[in-house]
C-alpha atoms as a PDB file:
ATOM      1  CA  MET A   1     117.024 -63.334 106.555  1.00  0.00           C
ATOM      2  CA  ALA A   2     115.058 -65.895 108.574  1.00  0.00           C
ATOM      3  CA  ILE A   3     113.871 -65.146 112.113  1.00  0.00           C
ATOM      4  CA  LEU A   4     114.148 -67.459 115.115  1.00  0.00           C
ATOM      5  CA  ILE A   5     111.513 -66.739 117.764  1.00  0.00           C
ATOM      6  CA  VAL A   6     112.849 -67.214 121.300  1.00  0.00           C
ATOM      7  CA  GLY A   7     109.914 -68.614 123.274  1.00  0.00           C
ATOM      8  CA  ALA A   8     107.087 -70.781 121.975  1.00  0.00           C
ATOM      9  CA  GLY A   9     104.297 -69.823 124.396  1.00  0.00           C
ATOM     10  CA  GLY A  10     101.405 -67.462 123.800  1.00  0.00           C
ATOM     11  CA  LEU A  11     103.606 -64.441 123.112  1.00  0.00           C
ATOM     12  CA  GLY A  12     105.758 -66.497 120.741  1.00  0.00           C
ATOM     13  CA  ARG A  13     102.647 -67.434 118.772  1.00  0.00           C
ATOM     14  CA  GLU A  14     101.548 -63.789 118.690  1.00  0.00           C
ATOM     15  CA  VAL A  15     104.958 -62.777 117.335  1.00  0.00           C
ATOM     16  CA  LEU A  16     104.668 -65.559 114.750  1.00  0.00           C
ATOM     17  CA  ALA A  17     101.295 -64.149 113.649  1.00  0.00           C
ATOM     18  CA  VAL A  18     102.820 -60.672 113.236  1.00  0.00           C
ATOM     19  CA  LEU A  19     105.775 -61.978 111.243  1.00  0.00           C
ATOM     20  CA  GLU A  20     103.489 -64.067 109.041  1.00  0.00           C
ATOM     21  CA  ALA A  21     101.250 -61.041 108.451  1.00  0.00           C
ATOM     22  CA  ARG A  22     104.350 -59.189 107.247  1.00  0.00           C
ATOM     23  CA  ARG A  23     105.421 -62.213 105.181  1.00  0.00           C
ATOM     24  CA  GLN A  24     108.733 -62.427 106.996  1.00  0.00           C
ATOM     25  CA  PRO A  25     110.345 -65.897 106.964  1.00  0.00           C
ATOM     26  CA  VAL A  26     110.421 -67.722 110.286  1.00  0.00           C
ATOM     27  CA  ALA A  27     113.134 -70.363 110.830  1.00  0.00           C
ATOM     28  CA  GLY A  28     111.499 -71.752 113.970  1.00  0.00           C
ATOM     29  CA  PHE A  29     111.134 -71.369 117.719  1.00  0.00           C
ATOM     30  CA  LEU A  30     113.869 -71.695 120.331  1.00  0.00           C
ATOM     31  CA  VAL A  31     113.024 -72.937 123.844  1.00  0.00           C
ATOM     32  CA  ASP A  32     114.990 -73.869 126.959  1.00  0.00           C
ATOM     33  CA  PRO A  33     116.599 -77.335 126.988  1.00  0.00           C
ATOM     34  CA  GLY A  34     114.140 -80.010 128.043  1.00  0.00           C
ATOM     35  CA  GLN A  35     111.034 -78.104 127.007  1.00  0.00           C
ATOM     36  CA  ARG A  36     108.517 -79.426 124.494  1.00  0.00           C
ATOM     37  CA  THR A  37     109.934 -79.426 120.970  1.00  0.00           C
ATOM     38  CA  GLN A  38     106.876 -80.465 118.985  1.00  0.00           C
ATOM     39  CA  PRO A  39     106.179 -78.098 116.069  1.00  0.00           C
ATOM     40  CA  VAL A  40     103.951 -75.085 116.723  1.00  0.00           C
ATOM     41  CA  HIS A  41     101.576 -74.311 113.855  1.00  0.00           C
ATOM     42  CA  GLY A  42     103.834 -76.346 111.618  1.00  0.00           C
ATOM     43  CA  ILE A  43     106.960 -74.385 112.617  1.00  0.00           C
ATOM     44  CA  PRO A  44     109.865 -76.401 114.082  1.00  0.00           C
ATOM     45  CA  VAL A  45     110.949 -75.947 117.711  1.00  0.00           C
ATOM     46  CA  TRP A  46     114.561 -76.363 118.883  1.00  0.00           C
ATOM     47  CA  ASP A  47     116.044 -76.474 122.389  1.00  0.00           C
ATOM     48  CA  ASP A  48     119.701 -75.908 121.488  1.00  0.00           C
ATOM     49  CA  ALA A  49     120.731 -72.258 121.029  1.00  0.00           C
ATOM     50  CA  ALA A  50     124.352 -73.119 120.179  1.00  0.00           C
ATOM     51  CA  ILE A  51     123.533 -74.212 116.639  1.00  0.00           C
ATOM     52  CA  TRP A  52     121.962 -70.808 115.919  1.00  0.00           C
ATOM     53  CA  GLN A  53     124.198 -68.295 117.683  1.00  0.00           C
ATOM     54  CA  GLN A  54     127.048 -68.575 115.193  1.00  0.00           C
ATOM     55  CA  ARG A  55     124.852 -68.221 112.117  1.00  0.00           C
ATOM     56  CA  THR A  56     124.833 -64.954 110.209  1.00  0.00           C
ATOM     57  CA  ASP A  57     121.655 -65.664 108.241  1.00  0.00           C
ATOM     58  CA  THR A  58     119.294 -65.608 111.244  1.00  0.00           C
ATOM     59  CA  GLN A  59     117.777 -62.863 113.378  1.00  0.00           C
ATOM     60  CA  PHE A  60     116.291 -63.415 116.832  1.00  0.00           C
ATOM     61  CA  ALA A  61     112.968 -62.203 118.232  1.00  0.00           C
ATOM     62  CA  ILE A  62     112.773 -62.514 122.020  1.00  0.00           C
ATOM     63  CA  ALA A  63     109.112 -63.378 122.606  1.00  0.00           C
ATOM     64  CA  ILE A  64     109.045 -63.636 126.405  1.00  0.00           C
ATOM     65  CA  GLY A  65     106.525 -61.606 128.402  1.00  0.00           C
ATOM     66  CA  ASP A  66     108.697 -61.013 131.484  1.00  0.00           C
ATOM     67  CA  GLY A  67     110.933 -57.985 130.898  1.00  0.00           C
ATOM     68  CA  ARG A  68     113.637 -59.270 133.247  1.00  0.00           C
ATOM     69  CA  ILE A  69     113.902 -62.495 131.273  1.00  0.00           C
ATOM     70  CA  ARG A  70     114.013 -60.523 128.012  1.00  0.00           C
ATOM     71  CA  ALA A  71     116.886 -58.498 129.478  1.00  0.00           C
ATOM     72  CA  ARG A  72     118.761 -61.650 130.492  1.00  0.00           C
ATOM     73  CA  LEU A  73     118.271 -63.294 127.097  1.00  0.00           C
ATOM     74  CA  ALA A  74     119.355 -60.159 125.237  1.00  0.00           C
ATOM     75  CA  LYS A  75     122.591 -60.229 127.238  1.00  0.00           C
ATOM     76  CA  THR A  76     123.027 -63.970 126.578  1.00  0.00           C
ATOM     77  CA  LEU A  77     122.539 -63.367 122.846  1.00  0.00           C
ATOM     78  CA  ASP A  78     124.990 -60.444 122.820  1.00  0.00           C
ATOM     79  CA  GLY A  79     126.265 -59.896 119.300  1.00  0.00           C
ATOM     80  CA  ALA A  80     123.168 -61.390 117.672  1.00  0.00           C
ATOM     81  CA  THR A  81     120.970 -59.476 115.251  1.00  0.00           C
ATOM     82  CA  PHE A  82     117.433 -58.888 116.500  1.00  0.00           C
ATOM     83  CA  ALA A  83     114.317 -58.707 114.368  1.00  0.00           C
ATOM     84  CA  ALA A  84     111.488 -56.197 114.632  1.00  0.00           C
ATOM     85  CA  ALA A  85     108.002 -57.715 114.857  1.00  0.00           C
ATOM     86  CA  VAL A  86     105.778 -54.771 113.937  1.00  0.00           C
ATOM     87  CA  HIS A  87     102.134 -55.469 113.113  1.00  0.00           C
ATOM     88  CA  PRO A  88     101.141 -54.095 109.686  1.00  0.00           C
ATOM     89  CA  GLY A  89      98.190 -52.299 111.330  1.00  0.00           C
ATOM     90  CA  ALA A  90     100.441 -50.154 113.538  1.00  0.00           C
ATOM     91  CA  THR A  91     100.448 -46.425 112.778  1.00  0.00           C
ATOM     92  CA  ILE A  92     103.911 -44.964 113.189  1.00  0.00           C
ATOM     93  CA  GLY A  93     104.325 -41.249 112.668  1.00  0.00           C
ATOM     94  CA  PRO A  94     107.443 -39.289 111.754  1.00  0.00           C
ATOM     95  CA  HIS A  95     110.480 -39.093 114.006  1.00  0.00           C
ATOM     96  CA  VAL A  96     109.744 -42.295 115.912  1.00  0.00           C
ATOM     97  CA  ALA A  97     112.888 -44.281 116.737  1.00  0.00           C
ATOM     98  CA  PHE A  98     112.911 -47.931 117.818  1.00  0.00           C
ATOM     99  CA  GLY A  99     115.735 -49.891 119.418  1.00  0.00           C
ATOM    100  CA  ASP A 100     116.477 -53.558 118.737  1.00  0.00           C
ATOM    101  CA  GLY A 101     113.788 -56.221 118.696  1.00  0.00           C
ATOM    102  CA  PRO A 102     110.527 -54.326 119.288  1.00  0.00           C
ATOM    103  CA  MET A 103     107.314 -56.367 119.465  1.00  0.00           C
ATOM    104  CA  ILE A 104     104.236 -54.405 118.393  1.00  0.00           C
ATOM    105  CA  LEU A 105     101.540 -57.036 118.358  1.00  0.00           C
ATOM    106  CA  GLY A 106      98.596 -55.288 116.754  1.00  0.00           C
ATOM    107  CA  PRO A 107      97.196 -51.952 115.717  1.00  0.00           C
ATOM    108  CA  ALA A 108      98.907 -49.365 117.897  1.00  0.00           C
ATOM    109  CA  SER A 109      99.478 -45.663 117.370  1.00  0.00           C
ATOM    110  CA  PHE A 110     102.703 -43.680 117.689  1.00  0.00           C
ATOM    111  CA  THR A 111     102.370 -39.983 116.864  1.00  0.00           C
ATOM    112  CA  THR A 112     105.717 -38.166 116.597  1.00  0.00           C
ATOM    113  CA  ASP A 113     109.050 -37.551 118.320  1.00  0.00           C
ATOM    114  CA  ILE A 114     109.011 -40.791 120.293  1.00  0.00           C
ATOM    115  CA  ALA A 115     111.992 -42.893 121.410  1.00  0.00           C
ATOM    116  CA  VAL A 116     111.498 -46.609 122.113  1.00  0.00           C
ATOM    117  CA  GLY A 117     114.242 -48.761 123.633  1.00  0.00           C
ATOM    118  CA  ASP A 118     115.302 -52.361 123.003  1.00  0.00           C
ATOM    119  CA  HIS A 119     113.042 -55.428 123.268  1.00  0.00           C
ATOM    120  CA  VAL A 120     109.920 -53.478 124.168  1.00  0.00           C
ATOM    121  CA  LEU A 121     106.543 -55.256 124.169  1.00  0.00           C
ATOM    122  CA  ILE A 122     103.582 -53.171 122.982  1.00  0.00           C
ATOM    123  CA  ASN A 123     100.215 -54.900 122.822  1.00  0.00           C
ATOM    124  CA  PRO A 124      97.266 -54.102 120.519  1.00  0.00           C
ATOM    125  CA  GLY A 125      95.372 -50.863 120.972  1.00  0.00           C
ATOM    126  CA  CYS A 126      98.141 -48.861 122.662  1.00  0.00           C
ATOM    127  CA  THR A 127      98.419 -45.136 121.953  1.00  0.00           C
ATOM    128  CA  ILE A 128     101.717 -43.343 122.494  1.00  0.00           C
ATOM    129  CA  ALA A 129     101.619 -39.563 122.128  1.00  0.00           C
ATOM    130  CA  HIS A 130     104.286 -37.031 121.207  1.00  0.00           C
ATOM    131  CA  ASP A 131     107.597 -36.793 123.026  1.00  0.00           C
ATOM    132  CA  CYS A 132     107.277 -40.046 124.962  1.00  0.00           C
ATOM    133  CA  VAL A 133     110.373 -42.015 125.922  1.00  0.00           C
ATOM    134  CA  ILE A 134     109.978 -45.756 126.494  1.00  0.00           C
ATOM    135  CA  GLY A 135     112.954 -47.568 127.996  1.00  0.00           C
ATOM    136  CA  SER A 136     114.274 -51.004 127.100  1.00  0.00           C
ATOM    137  CA  PHE A 137     112.376 -54.130 128.230  1.00  0.00           C
ATOM    138  CA  VAL A 138     109.182 -52.169 128.970  1.00  0.00           C
ATOM    139  CA  SER A 139     105.853 -54.012 128.614  1.00  0.00           C
ATOM    140  CA  LEU A 140     102.636 -52.184 127.711  1.00  0.00           C
ATOM    141  CA  GLY A 141      99.437 -54.212 128.049  1.00  0.00           C
ATOM    142  CA  PRO A 142      96.556 -53.937 125.585  1.00  0.00           C
ATOM    143  CA  ARG A 143      94.969 -50.477 125.237  1.00  0.00           C
ATOM    144  CA  VAL A 144      97.514 -48.593 127.346  1.00  0.00           C
ATOM    145  CA  SER A 145      97.453 -44.839 126.662  1.00  0.00           C
ATOM    146  CA  LEU A 146     100.519 -42.675 127.219  1.00  0.00           C
ATOM    147  CA  ALA A 147      99.859 -38.928 126.967  1.00  0.00           C
ATOM    148  CA  GLY A 148     102.473 -36.491 125.686  1.00  0.00           C
ATOM    149  CA  GLY A 149     105.876 -36.298 127.322  1.00  0.00           C
ATOM    150  CA  VAL A 150     105.559 -39.492 129.374  1.00  0.00           C
ATOM    151  CA  VAL A 151     108.785 -41.279 130.339  1.00  0.00           C
ATOM    152  CA  VAL A 152     108.599 -45.017 131.031  1.00  0.00           C
ATOM    153  CA  GLU A 153     111.921 -46.224 132.416  1.00  0.00           C
ATOM    154  CA  GLU A 154     113.585 -49.596 131.827  1.00  0.00           C
ATOM    155  CA  GLY A 155     111.553 -52.716 132.507  1.00  0.00           C
ATOM    156  CA  ALA A 156     108.382 -51.020 133.733  1.00  0.00           C
ATOM    157  CA  ASN A 157     105.167 -52.986 133.200  1.00  0.00           C
ATOM    158  CA  ILE A 158     101.940 -51.080 132.534  1.00  0.00           C
ATOM    159  CA  GLY A 159      98.770 -53.181 132.722  1.00  0.00           C
ATOM    160  CA  THR A 160      95.831 -53.453 130.352  1.00  0.00           C
ATOM    161  CA  GLY A 161      93.845 -50.265 129.818  1.00  0.00           C
ATOM    162  CA  ALA A 162      95.987 -48.062 132.055  1.00  0.00           C
ATOM    163  CA  VAL A 163      96.207 -44.352 131.283  1.00  0.00           C
ATOM    164  CA  VAL A 164      99.261 -42.198 132.054  1.00  0.00           C
ATOM    165  CA  ALA A 165      98.762 -38.417 132.185  1.00  0.00           C
ATOM    166  CA  PRO A 166     101.097 -35.958 130.451  1.00  0.00           C
ATOM    167  CA  ARG A 167     104.708 -35.630 131.618  1.00  0.00           C
ATOM    168  CA  CYS A 168     104.511 -38.387 134.214  1.00  0.00           C
ATOM    169  CA  ARG A 169     107.512 -40.624 134.816  1.00  0.00           C
ATOM    170  CA  ILE A 170     107.121 -44.353 135.468  1.00  0.00           C
ATOM    171  CA  GLY A 171     110.248 -45.551 137.279  1.00  0.00           C
ATOM    172  CA  ALA A 172     112.411 -48.498 136.289  1.00  0.00           C
ATOM    173  CA  TRP A 173     110.822 -51.915 136.890  1.00  0.00           C
ATOM    174  CA  ALA A 174     107.673 -50.346 138.356  1.00  0.00           C
ATOM    175  CA  VAL A 175     104.282 -52.017 137.862  1.00  0.00           C
ATOM    176  CA  VAL A 176     101.103 -50.128 136.988  1.00  0.00           C
ATOM    177  CA  GLY A 177      97.929 -52.141 137.518  1.00  0.00           C
ATOM    178  CA  ALA A 178      95.314 -52.775 134.850  1.00  0.00           C
ATOM    179  CA  GLY A 179      92.862 -49.893 134.429  1.00  0.00           C
ATOM    180  CA  ALA A 180      94.909 -47.512 136.568  1.00  0.00           C
ATOM    181  CA  VAL A 181      94.968 -43.773 135.924  1.00  0.00           C
ATOM    182  CA  VAL A 182      98.427 -42.382 136.659  1.00  0.00           C
ATOM    183  CA  ILE A 183      98.454 -38.640 137.373  1.00  0.00           C
ATOM    184  CA  GLY A 184     101.881 -38.359 139.047  1.00  0.00           C
ATOM    185  CA  ASP A 185     105.309 -39.953 138.956  1.00  0.00           C
ATOM    186  CA  VAL A 186     105.676 -43.610 139.959  1.00  0.00           C
ATOM    187  CA  ALA A 187     108.769 -44.560 141.973  1.00  0.00           C
ATOM    188  CA  PRO A 188     111.185 -47.157 140.565  1.00  0.00           C
ATOM    189  CA  GLY A 189     110.342 -50.705 141.619  1.00  0.00           C
ATOM    190  CA  SER A 190     106.969 -49.760 143.095  1.00  0.00           C
ATOM    191  CA  THR A 191     103.480 -51.037 142.277  1.00  0.00           C
ATOM    192  CA  VAL A 192     100.532 -48.703 141.816  1.00  0.00           C
ATOM    193  CA  ALA A 193      96.873 -49.359 141.006  1.00  0.00           C
ATOM    194  CA  GLY A 194      93.494 -47.655 141.055  1.00  0.00           C
ATOM    195  CA  VAL A 195      91.918 -44.395 139.949  1.00  0.00           C
ATOM    196  CA  PRO A 196      93.894 -42.330 140.614  1.00  0.00           C
ATOM    197  CA  ALA A 197      96.797 -44.743 140.916  1.00  0.00           C
ATOM    198  CA  ARG A 198      98.219 -45.169 144.414  1.00  0.00           C
ATOM    199  CA  PRO A 199     101.005 -47.368 145.843  1.00  0.00           C
ATOM    200  CA  ARG A 200     100.026 -50.928 146.806  1.00  0.00           C
END
């Protein structure tokens, strides 16, 4: 089954690289009407979703960095089949469950007993320890480390190199700054940064 990548920016090209590394066929990119439709790395770009939504031979990969936009597009594409873009260098242990459309863009490590929601973005170098729960539309920047028992609620965004201590909870749509060290719970919708992480 061919995959249509939604979004042709930097993340779209990273997803393309993952799919090509796994030798998965890519039908093309899909962008908003009026955007540039010149081919990207020889792959066609379309700006009309209608011709694809009724097809049963195509899966979608939502390659948009903003979790809120991923959530909106997933709702718009309700009923579609979503592809997993999982880098061949990722290490995935036993009892790790993924929802629809995960994007794991490079070597990342998942130990055991981990639940990952829909349309999650996990960048290269991330480590996710035992018993973590990652909600839908979460974004983890490069080299994020989640210790055991961490809960990351829907849509939270954790910046490059951040570390989250065991059993902490990152609230829905919260933002954790790059390089932060989180040693306590983070309230939904809040922004924290620093070592240790504090509200901003």
